[in-house]
Amino acid sequence: MNISVIHDCRQELRLVDLKVTPARIAVLKLLEETDQPLDVAAIIDSLEEQGIKADQATVFRIMNIFTDKGLTKQLQLNESKFRYEKTGDEHHHLVCERCGTIEDISDCNITDLENDIRLKKGFLVKRHSLEFFGVCQSCQP
């Protein structure tokens, strides 16, 4: 989910009425610049590399606030942990069960399925999650 033009994270935090802190700015930038959903441990490692001290509870709090404000999405990819990514373009994930590689896939036509669900079941889909699990090309025999 690489974004070609990185915007002002300070402004984005202000727009959702969040206090601007070095940790929050660093987390937003990290999630914008990565193409993989990250777990809390990876976020903490990145913050430490930047000289920003934030313990696990602080990072969980940041991620929960970001998710509540719609800045990030929380994913659970059949692991015992959550991963997070910046909200933006609608996409899904391919997850390799051998090496753990996660790849975005954006050419799923979910809109037609959501419309069918609404027409046939009278159910309005507000959000969805779709992940494909298998073996990536590198791990295939």
N, C-alpha and C. Protein backbone atom coordinates (compact mmCIF):
# COMPACT_ATOMS: atom_id res chain seq x y z
N MET A 1 0.83 -1.17 0.00
CA MET A 1 0.00 0.00 0.00
C MET A 1 0.88 1.24 0.00
N ASN A 2 1.94 1.23 -0.74
CA ASN A 2 2.84 2.36 -0.82
C ASN A 2 2.13 3.57 -1.39
N ILE A 3 2.28 4.70 -0.75
CA ILE A 3 1.67 5.95 -1.20
C ILE A 3 2.77 6.81 -1.80
N SER A 4 2.55 7.28 -3.03
CA SER A 4 3.59 8.01 -3.73
C SER A 4 3.84 9.38 -3.11
N VAL A 5 2.82 10.01 -2.56
CA VAL A 5 2.99 11.32 -1.94
C VAL A 5 2.61 11.19 -0.47
N ILE A 6 3.59 11.36 0.39
CA ILE A 6 3.34 11.27 1.82
C ILE A 6 2.80 12.62 2.28
N HIS A 7 1.68 12.61 2.94
CA HIS A 7 1.05 13.84 3.39
C HIS A 7 1.53 14.22 4.78
N ASP A 8 0.98 15.27 5.31
CA ASP A 8 1.34 15.77 6.63
C ASP A 8 0.59 14.98 7.70
N CYS A 9 1.29 14.13 8.40
CA CYS A 9 0.66 13.30 9.43
C CYS A 9 0.13 14.15 10.58
N ARG A 10 0.79 15.25 10.86
CA ARG A 10 0.32 16.14 11.93
C ARG A 10 -1.10 16.63 11.61
N GLN A 11 -1.29 17.05 10.37
CA GLN A 11 -2.59 17.54 9.96
C GLN A 11 -3.64 16.42 10.03
N GLU A 12 -3.26 15.22 9.64
CA GLU A 12 -4.20 14.10 9.69
C GLU A 12 -4.64 13.82 11.12
N LEU A 13 -3.71 13.88 12.07
CA LEU A 13 -4.06 13.68 13.48
C LEU A 13 -4.99 14.78 13.97
N ARG A 14 -4.69 16.02 13.61
CA ARG A 14 -5.54 17.14 14.02
C ARG A 14 -6.95 17.02 13.45
N LEU A 15 -7.06 16.55 12.21
CA LEU A 15 -8.37 16.42 11.57
C LEU A 15 -9.30 15.46 12.31
N VAL A 16 -8.72 14.49 13.02
CA VAL A 16 -9.54 13.55 13.79
C VAL A 16 -9.46 13.84 15.29
N ASP A 17 -9.05 15.06 15.63
CA ASP A 17 -9.01 15.54 17.02
C ASP A 17 -8.11 14.71 17.92
N LEU A 18 -6.94 14.34 17.41
CA LEU A 18 -5.96 13.63 18.23
C LEU A 18 -4.76 14.53 18.50
N LYS A 19 -4.23 14.41 19.69
CA LYS A 19 -3.02 15.14 20.06
C LYS A 19 -1.87 14.65 19.19
N VAL A 20 -1.06 15.57 18.72
CA VAL A 20 0.10 15.24 17.89
C VAL A 20 1.26 14.90 18.81
N THR A 21 1.73 13.65 18.73
CA THR A 21 2.89 13.21 19.51
C THR A 21 3.90 12.57 18.57
N PRO A 22 5.18 12.55 18.97
CA PRO A 22 6.18 11.90 18.12
C PRO A 22 5.84 10.44 17.81
N ALA A 23 5.33 9.70 18.78
CA ALA A 23 5.01 8.29 18.56
C ALA A 23 3.87 8.15 17.55
N ARG A 24 2.84 8.96 17.68
CA ARG A 24 1.70 8.88 16.75
C ARG A 24 2.13 9.24 15.32
N ILE A 25 2.93 10.28 15.20
CA ILE A 25 3.42 10.67 13.87
C ILE A 25 4.26 9.55 13.27
N ALA A 26 5.15 8.99 14.07
CA ALA A 26 6.03 7.92 13.58
C ALA A 26 5.23 6.69 13.17
N VAL A 27 4.20 6.34 13.92
CA VAL A 27 3.39 5.17 13.58
C VAL A 27 2.64 5.41 12.28
N LEU A 28 2.04 6.59 12.12
CA LEU A 28 1.33 6.90 10.87
C LEU A 28 2.27 6.83 9.67
N LYS A 29 3.44 7.44 9.80
CA LYS A 29 4.41 7.42 8.69
C LYS A 29 4.83 5.99 8.37
N LEU A 30 5.10 5.21 9.41
CA LEU A 30 5.51 3.81 9.20
C LEU A 30 4.44 3.04 8.43
N LEU A 31 3.19 3.18 8.83
CA LEU A 31 2.11 2.45 8.17
C LEU A 31 1.88 2.93 6.75
N GLU A 32 2.15 4.21 6.48
CA GLU A 32 2.04 4.73 5.12
C GLU A 32 3.13 4.18 4.21
N GLU A 33 4.30 3.99 4.78
CA GLU A 33 5.47 3.63 3.97
C GLU A 33 5.66 2.13 3.80
N THR A 34 4.91 1.32 4.52
CA THR A 34 5.08 -0.13 4.42
C THR A 34 4.01 -0.74 3.52
N ASP A 35 4.35 -1.86 2.94
CA ASP A 35 3.38 -2.56 2.10
C ASP A 35 2.89 -3.84 2.78
N GLN A 36 3.18 -3.97 4.07
CA GLN A 36 2.75 -5.13 4.84
C GLN A 36 1.97 -4.66 6.07
N PRO A 37 0.91 -5.35 6.43
CA PRO A 37 0.28 -5.06 7.73
C PRO A 37 1.28 -5.40 8.84
N LEU A 38 1.39 -4.54 9.83
CA LEU A 38 2.38 -4.72 10.88
C LEU A 38 1.75 -5.06 12.21
N ASP A 39 2.44 -5.87 12.99
CA ASP A 39 1.97 -6.15 14.35
C ASP A 39 2.62 -5.15 15.31
N VAL A 40 2.17 -5.18 16.55
CA VAL A 40 2.65 -4.22 17.55
C VAL A 40 4.16 -4.35 17.77
N ALA A 41 4.69 -5.57 17.77
CA ALA A 41 6.13 -5.77 17.98
C ALA A 41 6.95 -5.07 16.89
N ALA A 42 6.51 -5.20 15.64
CA ALA A 42 7.22 -4.54 14.53
C ALA A 42 7.13 -3.02 14.65
N ILE A 43 5.99 -2.52 15.10
CA ILE A 43 5.83 -1.08 15.28
C ILE A 43 6.75 -0.59 16.38
N ILE A 44 6.81 -1.32 17.49
CA ILE A 44 7.70 -0.95 18.60
C ILE A 44 9.16 -0.95 18.14
N ASP A 45 9.57 -1.97 17.39
CA ASP A 45 10.94 -2.04 16.87
C ASP A 45 11.27 -0.82 16.02
N SER A 46 10.34 -0.42 15.16
CA SER A 46 10.56 0.74 14.31
C SER A 46 10.68 2.02 15.14
N LEU A 47 9.83 2.16 16.14
CA LEU A 47 9.89 3.33 17.01
C LEU A 47 11.23 3.39 17.74
N GLU A 48 11.68 2.25 18.24
CA GLU A 48 12.97 2.20 18.95
C GLU A 48 14.12 2.60 18.04
N GLU A 49 14.07 2.15 16.76
CA GLU A 49 15.10 2.52 15.80
C GLU A 49 15.14 4.03 15.58
N GLN A 50 14.01 4.68 15.76
CA GLN A 50 13.92 6.13 15.59
C GLN A 50 14.18 6.88 16.90
N GLY A 51 14.48 6.14 17.97
CA GLY A 51 14.75 6.76 19.25
C GLY A 51 13.50 7.20 19.98
N ILE A 52 12.36 6.63 19.63
CA ILE A 52 11.09 6.98 20.28
C ILE A 52 10.72 5.85 21.24
N LYS A 53 10.60 6.20 22.52
CA LYS A 53 10.26 5.19 23.51
C LYS A 53 8.75 5.06 23.62
N ALA A 54 8.27 3.84 23.42
CA ALA A 54 6.85 3.53 23.58
C ALA A 54 6.74 2.06 23.93
N ASP A 55 6.13 1.79 25.08
CA ASP A 55 5.98 0.39 25.48
C ASP A 55 4.79 -0.24 24.76
N GLN A 56 4.61 -1.52 24.99
CA GLN A 56 3.58 -2.28 24.30
C GLN A 56 2.18 -1.70 24.57
N ALA A 57 1.91 -1.34 25.83
CA ALA A 57 0.59 -0.79 26.17
C ALA A 57 0.33 0.52 25.42
N THR A 58 1.35 1.36 25.31
CA THR A 58 1.21 2.63 24.60
C THR A 58 0.91 2.40 23.13
N VAL A 59 1.63 1.47 22.51
CA VAL A 59 1.41 1.20 21.09
C VAL A 59 0.02 0.59 20.87
N PHE A 60 -0.40 -0.31 21.73
CA PHE A 60 -1.76 -0.86 21.62
C PHE A 60 -2.79 0.25 21.73
N ARG A 61 -2.57 1.18 22.66
CA ARG A 61 -3.49 2.30 22.83
C ARG A 61 -3.53 3.16 21.57
N ILE A 62 -2.36 3.46 21.01
CA ILE A 62 -2.29 4.24 19.77
C ILE A 62 -3.06 3.53 18.66
N MET A 63 -2.83 2.24 18.51
CA MET A 63 -3.48 1.50 17.43
C MET A 63 -4.99 1.42 17.62
N ASN A 64 -5.43 1.26 18.86
CA ASN A 64 -6.87 1.23 19.13
C ASN A 64 -7.52 2.57 18.82
N ILE A 65 -6.85 3.66 19.20
CA ILE A 65 -7.37 5.00 18.91
C ILE A 65 -7.39 5.24 17.41
N PHE A 66 -6.30 4.88 16.72
CA PHE A 66 -6.25 5.06 15.26
C PHE A 66 -7.35 4.26 14.57
N THR A 67 -7.59 3.04 15.04
CA THR A 67 -8.63 2.21 14.45
C THR A 67 -10.02 2.81 14.72
N ASP A 68 -10.24 3.26 15.94
CA ASP A 68 -11.52 3.90 16.28
C ASP A 68 -11.78 5.15 15.45
N LYS A 69 -10.72 5.90 15.14
CA LYS A 69 -10.85 7.14 14.37
C LYS A 69 -10.85 6.89 12.86
N GLY A 70 -10.66 5.64 12.45
CA GLY A 70 -10.70 5.31 11.03
C GLY A 70 -9.39 5.53 10.29
N LEU A 71 -8.30 5.74 11.02
CA LEU A 71 -7.00 5.94 10.39
C LEU A 71 -6.35 4.63 9.99
N THR A 72 -6.66 3.56 10.74
CA THR A 72 -6.07 2.26 10.47
C THR A 72 -7.15 1.19 10.51
N LYS A 73 -6.80 0.01 9.98
CA LYS A 73 -7.64 -1.18 10.07
C LYS A 73 -6.89 -2.22 10.89
N GLN A 74 -7.63 -2.95 11.69
CA GLN A 74 -7.07 -4.05 12.45
C GLN A 74 -7.38 -5.35 11.71
N LEU A 75 -6.36 -6.18 11.53
CA LEU A 75 -6.52 -7.44 10.82
C LEU A 75 -6.11 -8.59 11.73
N GLN A 76 -6.80 -9.70 11.61
CA GLN A 76 -6.35 -10.92 12.26
C GLN A 76 -6.24 -11.98 11.18
N LEU A 77 -5.03 -12.40 10.92
CA LEU A 77 -4.75 -13.29 9.80
C LEU A 77 -4.41 -14.70 10.28
N ASN A 78 -5.33 -15.29 11.05
CA ASN A 78 -5.14 -16.63 11.61
C ASN A 78 -3.87 -16.73 12.44
N GLU A 79 -3.58 -15.67 13.16
CA GLU A 79 -2.42 -15.63 14.05
C GLU A 79 -2.92 -15.32 15.46
N SER A 80 -2.05 -15.39 16.41
CA SER A 80 -2.43 -15.06 17.78
C SER A 80 -2.18 -13.58 18.07
N LYS A 81 -2.16 -12.77 17.03
CA LYS A 81 -1.92 -11.34 17.19
C LYS A 81 -2.70 -10.57 16.13
N PHE A 82 -2.84 -9.29 16.38
CA PHE A 82 -3.44 -8.41 15.39
C PHE A 82 -2.35 -7.74 14.58
N ARG A 83 -2.68 -7.41 13.36
CA ARG A 83 -1.83 -6.59 12.50
C ARG A 83 -2.63 -5.36 12.13
N TYR A 84 -1.91 -4.31 11.76
CA TYR A 84 -2.56 -3.04 11.44
C TYR A 84 -2.03 -2.51 10.12
N GLU A 85 -2.90 -1.81 9.41
CA GLU A 85 -2.50 -1.13 8.20
C GLU A 85 -3.29 0.15 8.07
N LYS A 86 -2.74 1.07 7.31
CA LYS A 86 -3.38 2.36 7.07
C LYS A 86 -4.62 2.13 6.22
N THR A 87 -5.70 2.83 6.54
CA THR A 87 -6.88 2.73 5.71
C THR A 87 -6.62 3.45 4.40
N GLY A 88 -7.38 3.12 3.42
CA GLY A 88 -7.19 3.73 2.10
C GLY A 88 -7.86 2.88 1.06
N ASP A 89 -7.11 2.57 0.03
CA ASP A 89 -7.70 1.77 -1.05
C ASP A 89 -8.18 0.42 -0.52
N GLU A 90 -9.31 -0.01 -1.03
CA GLU A 90 -9.89 -1.28 -0.60
C GLU A 90 -9.09 -2.42 -1.22
N HIS A 91 -8.61 -3.31 -0.39
CA HIS A 91 -7.87 -4.46 -0.88
C HIS A 91 -7.99 -5.61 0.10
N HIS A 92 -7.52 -6.76 -0.31
CA HIS A 92 -7.57 -7.97 0.48
C HIS A 92 -6.15 -8.52 0.56
N HIS A 93 -5.99 -9.70 1.15
CA HIS A 93 -4.64 -10.20 1.39
C HIS A 93 -4.48 -11.66 0.98
N LEU A 94 -3.29 -11.95 0.47
CA LEU A 94 -2.84 -13.32 0.24
C LEU A 94 -1.82 -13.61 1.34
N VAL A 95 -2.02 -14.68 2.08
CA VAL A 95 -1.15 -15.00 3.21
C VAL A 95 -0.52 -16.36 2.98
N CYS A 96 0.82 -16.39 2.93
CA CYS A 96 1.53 -17.66 2.77
C CYS A 96 1.60 -18.35 4.13
N GLU A 97 1.10 -19.57 4.19
CA GLU A 97 1.09 -20.32 5.44
C GLU A 97 2.45 -20.92 5.79
N ARG A 98 3.40 -20.85 4.87
CA ARG A 98 4.73 -21.39 5.14
C ARG A 98 5.69 -20.31 5.61
N CYS A 99 5.85 -19.24 4.83
CA CYS A 99 6.84 -18.22 5.18
C CYS A 99 6.24 -16.98 5.84
N GLY A 100 4.91 -16.87 5.83
CA GLY A 100 4.25 -15.75 6.48
C GLY A 100 4.16 -14.48 5.64
N THR A 101 4.60 -14.54 4.39
CA THR A 101 4.50 -13.38 3.51
C THR A 101 3.04 -12.98 3.35
N ILE A 102 2.80 -11.68 3.38
CA ILE A 102 1.46 -11.15 3.18
C ILE A 102 1.52 -10.22 1.98
N GLU A 103 0.64 -10.45 1.02
CA GLU A 103 0.63 -9.64 -0.19
C GLU A 103 -0.77 -9.07 -0.39
N ASP A 104 -0.84 -7.81 -0.78
CA ASP A 104 -2.13 -7.19 -1.08
C ASP A 104 -2.65 -7.69 -2.42
N ILE A 105 -3.96 -7.81 -2.50
CA ILE A 105 -4.62 -8.11 -3.76
C ILE A 105 -5.81 -7.17 -3.86
N SER A 106 -5.85 -6.40 -4.93
CA SER A 106 -6.88 -5.37 -5.01
C SER A 106 -7.87 -5.59 -6.15
N ASP A 107 -7.71 -6.65 -6.90
CA ASP A 107 -8.59 -6.84 -8.05
C ASP A 107 -9.74 -7.83 -7.77
N CYS A 108 -10.20 -7.88 -6.53
CA CYS A 108 -11.39 -8.66 -6.19
C CYS A 108 -12.61 -7.77 -6.40
N ASN A 109 -13.60 -8.28 -7.08
CA ASN A 109 -14.79 -7.48 -7.33
C ASN A 109 -15.84 -7.77 -6.25
N ILE A 110 -15.63 -7.22 -5.09
CA ILE A 110 -16.52 -7.44 -3.95
C ILE A 110 -17.78 -6.59 -4.06
N THR A 111 -17.72 -5.48 -4.76
CA THR A 111 -18.87 -4.58 -4.86
C THR A 111 -20.11 -5.31 -5.39
N ASP A 112 -19.93 -6.13 -6.42
CA ASP A 112 -21.06 -6.89 -6.97
C ASP A 112 -21.64 -7.84 -5.93
N LEU A 113 -20.78 -8.51 -5.18
CA LEU A 113 -21.24 -9.43 -4.14
C LEU A 113 -22.00 -8.67 -3.05
N GLU A 114 -21.47 -7.51 -2.63
CA GLU A 114 -22.17 -6.71 -1.62
C GLU A 114 -23.54 -6.26 -2.12
N ASN A 115 -23.64 -5.88 -3.39
CA ASN A 115 -24.92 -5.48 -3.97
C ASN A 115 -25.90 -6.66 -3.99
N ASP A 116 -25.42 -7.85 -4.35
CA ASP A 116 -26.26 -9.05 -4.35
C ASP A 116 -26.76 -9.35 -2.94
N ILE A 117 -25.90 -9.21 -1.97
CA ILE A 117 -26.28 -9.46 -0.58
C ILE A 117 -27.39 -8.49 -0.17
N ARG A 118 -27.24 -7.25 -0.55
CA ARG A 118 -28.26 -6.25 -0.18
C ARG A 118 -29.59 -6.56 -0.87
N LEU A 119 -29.52 -6.88 -2.15
CA LEU A 119 -30.76 -7.16 -2.90
C LEU A 119 -31.44 -8.45 -2.45
N LYS A 120 -30.65 -9.50 -2.26
CA LYS A 120 -31.22 -10.82 -1.97
C LYS A 120 -31.54 -11.03 -0.49
N LYS A 121 -30.74 -10.42 0.37
CA LYS A 121 -30.90 -10.65 1.80
C LYS A 121 -31.40 -9.42 2.56
N GLY A 122 -31.38 -8.25 1.91
CA GLY A 122 -31.77 -7.03 2.60
C GLY A 122 -30.77 -6.60 3.65
N PHE A 123 -29.54 -7.04 3.48
CA PHE A 123 -28.48 -6.77 4.46
C PHE A 123 -27.53 -5.73 3.90
N LEU A 124 -27.31 -4.65 4.63
CA LEU A 124 -26.39 -3.59 4.21
C LEU A 124 -25.00 -3.87 4.79
N VAL A 125 -24.05 -4.21 3.93
CA VAL A 125 -22.68 -4.48 4.36
C VAL A 125 -21.99 -3.16 4.66
N LYS A 126 -21.49 -3.01 5.88
CA LYS A 126 -20.76 -1.80 6.28
C LYS A 126 -19.26 -1.97 6.09
N ARG A 127 -18.78 -3.18 6.31
CA ARG A 127 -17.36 -3.48 6.11
C ARG A 127 -17.23 -4.98 5.93
N HIS A 128 -16.08 -5.39 5.44
CA HIS A 128 -15.83 -6.82 5.25
C HIS A 128 -14.34 -7.08 5.35
N SER A 129 -14.01 -8.34 5.45
CA SER A 129 -12.62 -8.76 5.51
C SER A 129 -12.50 -10.02 4.66
N LEU A 130 -11.51 -10.05 3.80
CA LEU A 130 -11.33 -11.21 2.94
C LEU A 130 -9.83 -11.49 2.81
N GLU A 131 -9.43 -12.67 3.25
CA GLU A 131 -8.04 -13.10 3.14
C GLU A 131 -8.00 -14.47 2.50
N PHE A 132 -6.97 -14.68 1.70
CA PHE A 132 -6.74 -15.97 1.06
C PHE A 132 -5.49 -16.58 1.68
N PHE A 133 -5.58 -17.82 2.13
CA PHE A 133 -4.48 -18.51 2.76
C PHE A 133 -4.01 -19.64 1.86
N GLY A 134 -2.71 -19.78 1.74
CA GLY A 134 -2.16 -20.83 0.89
C GLY A 134 -0.65 -20.78 0.92
N VAL A 135 -0.04 -21.09 -0.23
CA VAL A 135 1.41 -21.16 -0.33
C VAL A 135 1.87 -20.26 -1.48
N CYS A 136 2.78 -19.34 -1.17
CA CYS A 136 3.26 -18.40 -2.19
C CYS A 136 4.14 -19.15 -3.22
N GLN A 137 4.42 -18.48 -4.31
CA GLN A 137 5.19 -19.09 -5.38
C GLN A 137 6.59 -19.51 -4.90
N SER A 138 7.20 -18.69 -4.04
CA SER A 138 8.55 -19.01 -3.54
C SER A 138 8.59 -20.27 -2.70
N CYS A 139 7.49 -20.56 -1.99
CA CYS A 139 7.45 -21.71 -1.10
C CYS A 139 6.89 -22.97 -1.74
N GLN A 140 6.38 -22.87 -2.96
CA GLN A 140 5.83 -24.05 -3.62
C GLN A 140 6.94 -24.97 -4.09
N PRO A 141 6.69 -26.29 -3.99
CA PRO A 141 7.73 -27.25 -4.41
C PRO A 141 7.95 -27.23 -5.91
